[in-house]
Amino acid sequence: MKATQILMEEHRVIERVLNTLEAGAAKLEQGQNVRPGFFIEATDFVKGFADGCHHMKEEGVLFKAMNAQGVPTEGGPIGVMLAEHEMGRSYTRALREAALRLQNGDSTAVKAVIENARGYAALLRQHIFKEDNILFPMADRVVPQAEHDSIFEGFEHVEHEETGEGVHEKYLALAEALEKEMQN
């Protein structure tokens, strides 16, 4: 298995949560009751899994391996991905703040929850498409097969040392719980 395959599998989990965010935003827009904690928990997933684990693997391991093979950060696809990671972090902060306001009884926060949930989902969907179809195939071409073991080791280090033992499983369970909540 290629290191990029691991990241693509994680993309599928992230997309599941994007589906729930979009469903939650649609329900709110239709006037249905969605518990504000749902959106807070979704931002926990984003911060802990999408950003804390997945993006850490990309930024701290894969992108560095690509840099070592001559792929520049500035002016190329890696720079675009890094900028989009930052945009995603901004959406996540704004979504969390709006959901906390909603939880505290501020009904005017509904619009901000909807906008930030949809904005984040739209950003991440096109971001994932670019990584799966442009950046990862590029990485597969430029990073020698002999380097893949060290990339796998770097990914394992992120999962077990940087983010902590069992964190990956915790967020997979959270993704499933968010899905179940939106199915009701």
C-alpha atoms as a PDB file:
ATOM      1  CA  MET A   1       0.000   0.000   0.000  1.00  0.00           C
ATOM      2  CA  LYS A   2       1.217   3.490  -0.824  1.00  0.00           C
ATOM      3  CA  ALA A   3       1.374   6.112   1.906  1.00  0.00           C
ATOM      4  CA  THR A   4      -1.020   8.236  -0.116  1.00  0.00           C
ATOM      5  CA  GLN A   5      -3.587   5.422   0.075  1.00  0.00           C
ATOM      6  CA  ILE A   6      -3.716   5.843   3.865  1.00  0.00           C
ATOM      7  CA  LEU A   7      -4.432   9.538   3.423  1.00  0.00           C
ATOM      8  CA  MET A   8      -7.117   8.811   0.828  1.00  0.00           C
ATOM      9  CA  GLU A   9      -8.798   6.352   3.201  1.00  0.00           C
ATOM     10  CA  GLU A  10      -8.807   9.068   5.858  1.00  0.00           C
ATOM     11  CA  HIS A  11     -10.402  11.391   3.295  1.00  0.00           C
ATOM     12  CA  ARG A  12     -13.336   8.992   3.082  1.00  0.00           C
ATOM     13  CA  VAL A  13     -13.854   9.311   6.859  1.00  0.00           C
ATOM     14  CA  ILE A  14     -13.619  13.106   6.658  1.00  0.00           C
ATOM     15  CA  GLU A  15     -16.185  13.103   3.836  1.00  0.00           C
ATOM     16  CA  ARG A  16     -18.593  11.194   6.074  1.00  0.00           C
ATOM     17  CA  VAL A  17     -18.403  14.022   8.609  1.00  0.00           C
ATOM     18  CA  LEU A  18     -18.777  16.615   5.842  1.00  0.00           C
ATOM     19  CA  ASN A  19     -22.018  14.846   4.901  1.00  0.00           C
ATOM     20  CA  THR A  20     -23.246  15.184   8.476  1.00  0.00           C
ATOM     21  CA  LEU A  21     -22.309  18.868   8.627  1.00  0.00           C
ATOM     22  CA  GLU A  22     -24.228  19.547   5.432  1.00  0.00           C
ATOM     23  CA  ALA A  23     -27.212  17.565   6.737  1.00  0.00           C
ATOM     24  CA  GLY A  24     -27.146  19.458  10.030  1.00  0.00           C
ATOM     25  CA  ALA A  25     -26.955  22.807   8.226  1.00  0.00           C
ATOM     26  CA  ALA A  26     -29.887  21.816   5.989  1.00  0.00           C
ATOM     27  CA  LYS A  27     -31.992  20.808   8.994  1.00  0.00           C
ATOM     28  CA  LEU A  28     -31.223  24.087  10.755  1.00  0.00           C
ATOM     29  CA  GLU A  29     -32.099  26.039   7.630  1.00  0.00           C
ATOM     30  CA  GLN A  30     -35.432  24.201   7.423  1.00  0.00           C
ATOM     31  CA  GLY A  31     -36.188  25.227  10.994  1.00  0.00           C
ATOM     32  CA  GLN A  32     -35.619  21.780  12.461  1.00  0.00           C
ATOM     33  CA  ASN A  33     -33.980  21.384  15.831  1.00  0.00           C
ATOM     34  CA  VAL A  34     -30.328  20.346  15.743  1.00  0.00           C
ATOM     35  CA  ARG A  35     -28.505  20.272  19.016  1.00  0.00           C
ATOM     36  CA  PRO A  36     -25.695  22.853  19.022  1.00  0.00           C
ATOM     37  CA  GLY A  37     -23.442  20.227  20.605  1.00  0.00           C
ATOM     38  CA  PHE A  38     -23.633  18.302  17.332  1.00  0.00           C
ATOM     39  CA  PHE A  39     -21.717  21.095  15.599  1.00  0.00           C
ATOM     40  CA  ILE A  40     -19.322  21.450  18.523  1.00  0.00           C
ATOM     41  CA  GLU A  41     -18.575  17.717  18.353  1.00  0.00           C
ATOM     42  CA  ALA A  42     -18.100  18.001  14.576  1.00  0.00           C
ATOM     43  CA  THR A  43     -15.487  20.698  15.172  1.00  0.00           C
ATOM     44  CA  ASP A  44     -13.861  18.403  17.738  1.00  0.00           C
ATOM     45  CA  PHE A  45     -13.595  15.789  14.982  1.00  0.00           C
ATOM     46  CA  VAL A  46     -12.160  18.332  12.556  1.00  0.00           C
ATOM     47  CA  LYS A  47      -9.604  19.614  15.064  1.00  0.00           C
ATOM     48  CA  GLY A  48      -8.634  16.181  16.353  1.00  0.00           C
ATOM     49  CA  PHE A  49      -8.783  14.009  13.256  1.00  0.00           C
ATOM     50  CA  ALA A  50      -8.836  16.081  10.072  1.00  0.00           C
ATOM     51  CA  ASP A  51      -6.418  18.702  11.321  1.00  0.00           C
ATOM     52  CA  GLY A  52      -4.704  17.096  14.295  1.00  0.00           C
ATOM     53  CA  CYS A  53      -3.914  13.740  12.702  1.00  0.00           C
ATOM     54  CA  HIS A  54      -4.558  13.800   8.952  1.00  0.00           C
ATOM     55  CA  HIS A  55      -3.151  17.243   8.149  1.00  0.00           C
ATOM     56  CA  MET A  56      -0.246  16.588  10.500  1.00  0.00           C
ATOM     57  CA  LYS A  57       0.655  13.549   8.369  1.00  0.00           C
ATOM     58  CA  GLU A  58       0.444  15.618   5.224  1.00  0.00           C
ATOM     59  CA  GLU A  59       2.260  18.700   6.492  1.00  0.00           C
ATOM     60  CA  GLY A  60       4.820  17.010   8.723  1.00  0.00           C
ATOM     61  CA  VAL A  61       5.598  13.914   6.669  1.00  0.00           C
ATOM     62  CA  LEU A  62       4.349  13.713   3.069  1.00  0.00           C
ATOM     63  CA  PHE A  63       4.906  17.336   2.066  1.00  0.00           C
ATOM     64  CA  LYS A  64       8.430  17.225   3.537  1.00  0.00           C
ATOM     65  CA  ALA A  65       9.169  14.058   1.555  1.00  0.00           C
ATOM     66  CA  MET A  66       7.934  15.817  -1.579  1.00  0.00           C
ATOM     67  CA  ASN A  67      10.059  18.880  -0.757  1.00  0.00           C
ATOM     68  CA  ALA A  68      13.094  16.603  -0.447  1.00  0.00           C
ATOM     69  CA  GLN A  69      12.411  15.438  -4.013  1.00  0.00           C
ATOM     70  CA  GLY A  70      12.358  19.013  -5.329  1.00  0.00           C
ATOM     71  CA  VAL A  71       8.646  19.843  -5.144  1.00  0.00           C
ATOM     72  CA  PRO A  72       8.530  23.431  -3.839  1.00  0.00           C
ATOM     73  CA  THR A  73       6.192  24.584  -1.122  1.00  0.00           C
ATOM     74  CA  GLU A  74       5.759  28.094  -2.487  1.00  0.00           C
ATOM     75  CA  GLY A  75       4.150  28.582  -5.864  1.00  0.00           C
ATOM     76  CA  GLY A  76       2.955  25.021  -6.250  1.00  0.00           C
ATOM     77  CA  PRO A  77       0.305  22.574  -5.119  1.00  0.00           C
ATOM     78  CA  ILE A  78       1.800  22.103  -1.642  1.00  0.00           C
ATOM     79  CA  GLY A  79       1.475  25.835  -0.973  1.00  0.00           C
ATOM     80  CA  VAL A  80      -2.145  25.753  -2.137  1.00  0.00           C
ATOM     81  CA  MET A  81      -2.912  22.811   0.167  1.00  0.00           C
ATOM     82  CA  LEU A  82      -1.291  24.558   3.132  1.00  0.00           C
ATOM     83  CA  ALA A  83      -3.306  27.727   2.469  1.00  0.00           C
ATOM     84  CA  GLU A  84      -6.497  25.658   2.280  1.00  0.00           C
ATOM     85  CA  HIS A  85      -5.616  23.927   5.559  1.00  0.00           C
ATOM     86  CA  GLU A  86      -5.466  27.409   7.131  1.00  0.00           C
ATOM     87  CA  MET A  87      -8.797  28.385   5.564  1.00  0.00           C
ATOM     88  CA  GLY A  88     -10.306  25.202   7.001  1.00  0.00           C
ATOM     89  CA  ARG A  89      -9.003  26.104  10.439  1.00  0.00           C
ATOM     90  CA  SER A  90     -10.673  29.521  10.150  1.00  0.00           C
ATOM     91  CA  TYR A  91     -14.009  27.947   9.196  1.00  0.00           C
ATOM     92  CA  THR A  92     -13.689  25.486  12.074  1.00  0.00           C
ATOM     93  CA  ARG A  93     -13.020  28.238  14.631  1.00  0.00           C
ATOM     94  CA  ALA A  94     -15.952  30.304  13.333  1.00  0.00           C
ATOM     95  CA  LEU A  95     -18.274  27.277  13.320  1.00  0.00           C
ATOM     96  CA  ARG A  96     -17.329  26.370  16.875  1.00  0.00           C
ATOM     97  CA  GLU A  97     -17.817  29.959  18.092  1.00  0.00           C
ATOM     98  CA  ALA A  98     -21.232  30.166  16.409  1.00  0.00           C
ATOM     99  CA  ALA A  99     -22.301  26.769  17.790  1.00  0.00           C
ATOM    100  CA  LEU A 100     -21.260  27.832  21.299  1.00  0.00           C
ATOM    101  CA  ARG A 101     -23.297  31.037  20.930  1.00  0.00           C
ATOM    102  CA  LEU A 102     -26.261  28.966  19.754  1.00  0.00           C
ATOM    103  CA  GLN A 103     -25.814  26.614  22.698  1.00  0.00           C
ATOM    104  CA  ASN A 104     -25.905  29.644  25.004  1.00  0.00           C
ATOM    105  CA  GLY A 105     -29.277  30.690  23.603  1.00  0.00           C
ATOM    106  CA  ASP A 106     -28.230  33.145  20.882  1.00  0.00           C
ATOM    107  CA  SER A 107     -30.633  32.274  18.065  1.00  0.00           C
ATOM    108  CA  THR A 108     -28.928  34.806  15.783  1.00  0.00           C
ATOM    109  CA  ALA A 109     -25.994  32.369  15.581  1.00  0.00           C
ATOM    110  CA  VAL A 110     -28.009  29.939  13.421  1.00  0.00           C
ATOM    111  CA  LYS A 111     -27.021  31.749  10.217  1.00  0.00           C
ATOM    112  CA  ALA A 112     -23.316  31.669  11.131  1.00  0.00           C
ATOM    113  CA  VAL A 113     -23.518  27.958  11.983  1.00  0.00           C
ATOM    114  CA  ILE A 114     -25.112  27.194   8.612  1.00  0.00           C
ATOM    115  CA  GLU A 115     -22.684  29.369   6.636  1.00  0.00           C
ATOM    116  CA  ASN A 116     -19.565  28.037   8.335  1.00  0.00           C
ATOM    117  CA  ALA A 117     -20.661  24.390   8.194  1.00  0.00           C
ATOM    118  CA  ARG A 118     -21.391  24.705   4.475  1.00  0.00           C
ATOM    119  CA  GLY A 119     -18.287  26.777   3.802  1.00  0.00           C
ATOM    120  CA  TYR A 120     -16.048  24.262   5.500  1.00  0.00           C
ATOM    121  CA  ALA A 121     -17.694  21.325   3.717  1.00  0.00           C
ATOM    122  CA  ALA A 122     -17.397  23.002   0.309  1.00  0.00           C
ATOM    123  CA  LEU A 123     -13.752  23.921   0.905  1.00  0.00           C
ATOM    124  CA  LEU A 124     -12.826  20.445   2.079  1.00  0.00           C
ATOM    125  CA  ARG A 125     -14.633  18.663  -0.744  1.00  0.00           C
ATOM    126  CA  GLN A 126     -12.685  20.509  -3.427  1.00  0.00           C
ATOM    127  CA  HIS A 127      -9.503  20.272  -1.335  1.00  0.00           C
ATOM    128  CA  ILE A 128      -9.845  16.500  -1.034  1.00  0.00           C
ATOM    129  CA  PHE A 129     -10.543  16.238  -4.783  1.00  0.00           C
ATOM    130  CA  LYS A 130      -7.302  18.120  -5.564  1.00  0.00           C
ATOM    131  CA  GLU A 131      -5.268  15.997  -3.171  1.00  0.00           C
ATOM    132  CA  ASP A 132      -6.712  12.687  -4.385  1.00  0.00           C
ATOM    133  CA  ASN A 133      -6.422  13.537  -8.081  1.00  0.00           C
ATOM    134  CA  ILE A 134      -3.428  15.867  -8.382  1.00  0.00           C
ATOM    135  CA  LEU A 135      -1.200  16.057  -5.306  1.00  0.00           C
ATOM    136  CA  PHE A 136      -1.163  12.406  -4.235  1.00  0.00           C
ATOM    137  CA  PRO A 137      -0.496  11.045  -7.750  1.00  0.00           C
ATOM    138  CA  MET A 138       2.324  13.606  -7.961  1.00  0.00           C
ATOM    139  CA  ALA A 139       3.704  12.362  -4.643  1.00  0.00           C
ATOM    140  CA  ASP A 140       3.515   8.771  -5.896  1.00  0.00           C
ATOM    141  CA  ARG A 141       5.570   9.781  -8.949  1.00  0.00           C
ATOM    142  CA  VAL A 142       8.240  11.905  -7.260  1.00  0.00           C
ATOM    143  CA  VAL A 143       8.832  10.111  -3.945  1.00  0.00           C
ATOM    144  CA  PRO A 144      10.932   6.995  -4.567  1.00  0.00           C
ATOM    145  CA  GLN A 145       9.412   3.705  -3.437  1.00  0.00           C
ATOM    146  CA  ALA A 146      12.377   3.267  -1.085  1.00  0.00           C
ATOM    147  CA  GLU A 147      11.195   6.354   0.847  1.00  0.00           C
ATOM    148  CA  HIS A 148       7.713   4.985   1.485  1.00  0.00           C
ATOM    149  CA  ASP A 149       8.787   3.011   4.564  1.00  0.00           C
ATOM    150  CA  SER A 150      10.008   6.193   6.226  1.00  0.00           C
ATOM    151  CA  ILE A 151       6.734   7.926   5.310  1.00  0.00           C
ATOM    152  CA  PHE A 152       4.776   5.052   6.895  1.00  0.00           C
ATOM    153  CA  GLU A 153       6.981   5.361   9.987  1.00  0.00           C
ATOM    154  CA  GLY A 154       6.286   9.096  10.064  1.00  0.00           C
ATOM    155  CA  PHE A 155       2.549   8.438   9.838  1.00  0.00           C
ATOM    156  CA  GLU A 156       2.775   5.904  12.669  1.00  0.00           C
ATOM    157  CA  HIS A 157       4.709   8.421  14.757  1.00  0.00           C
ATOM    158  CA  VAL A 158       1.973  11.020  14.207  1.00  0.00           C
ATOM    159  CA  GLU A 159      -0.778   8.555  15.130  1.00  0.00           C
ATOM    160  CA  HIS A 160       0.848   7.040  18.194  1.00  0.00           C
ATOM    161  CA  GLU A 161       3.272   9.650  19.511  1.00  0.00           C
ATOM    162  CA  GLU A 162       2.040  13.049  18.353  1.00  0.00           C
ATOM    163  CA  THR A 163      -1.714  12.605  18.717  1.00  0.00           C
ATOM    164  CA  GLY A 164      -1.715   9.811  21.287  1.00  0.00           C
ATOM    165  CA  GLU A 165      -2.649   6.160  21.449  1.00  0.00           C
ATOM    166  CA  GLY A 166      -6.269   5.407  20.597  1.00  0.00           C
ATOM    167  CA  VAL A 167      -7.025   8.875  19.252  1.00  0.00           C
ATOM    168  CA  HIS A 168      -7.628   7.597  15.714  1.00  0.00           C
ATOM    169  CA  GLU A 169     -10.209   5.105  16.968  1.00  0.00           C
ATOM    170  CA  LYS A 170     -11.871   7.766  19.146  1.00  0.00           C
ATOM    171  CA  TYR A 171     -12.473   9.982  16.117  1.00  0.00           C
ATOM    172  CA  LEU A 172     -13.680   7.127  13.932  1.00  0.00           C
ATOM    173  CA  ALA A 173     -16.282   6.424  16.618  1.00  0.00           C
ATOM    174  CA  LEU A 174     -17.198  10.113  16.757  1.00  0.00           C
ATOM    175  CA  ALA A 175     -17.684  10.182  12.964  1.00  0.00           C
ATOM    176  CA  GLU A 176     -20.042   7.226  13.277  1.00  0.00           C
ATOM    177  CA  ALA A 177     -21.978   8.862  16.137  1.00  0.00           C
ATOM    178  CA  LEU A 178     -22.387  12.083  14.145  1.00  0.00           C
ATOM    179  CA  GLU A 179     -23.681  10.093  11.178  1.00  0.00           C
ATOM    180  CA  LYS A 180     -26.204   8.258  13.337  1.00  0.00           C
ATOM    181  CA  GLU A 181     -27.425  11.504  14.858  1.00  0.00           C
ATOM    182  CA  MET A 182     -28.114  13.017  11.430  1.00  0.00           C
ATOM    183  CA  GLN A 183     -29.906   9.875  10.232  1.00  0.00           C
ATOM    184  CA  ASN A 184     -32.630  10.390  12.844  1.00  0.00           C
END
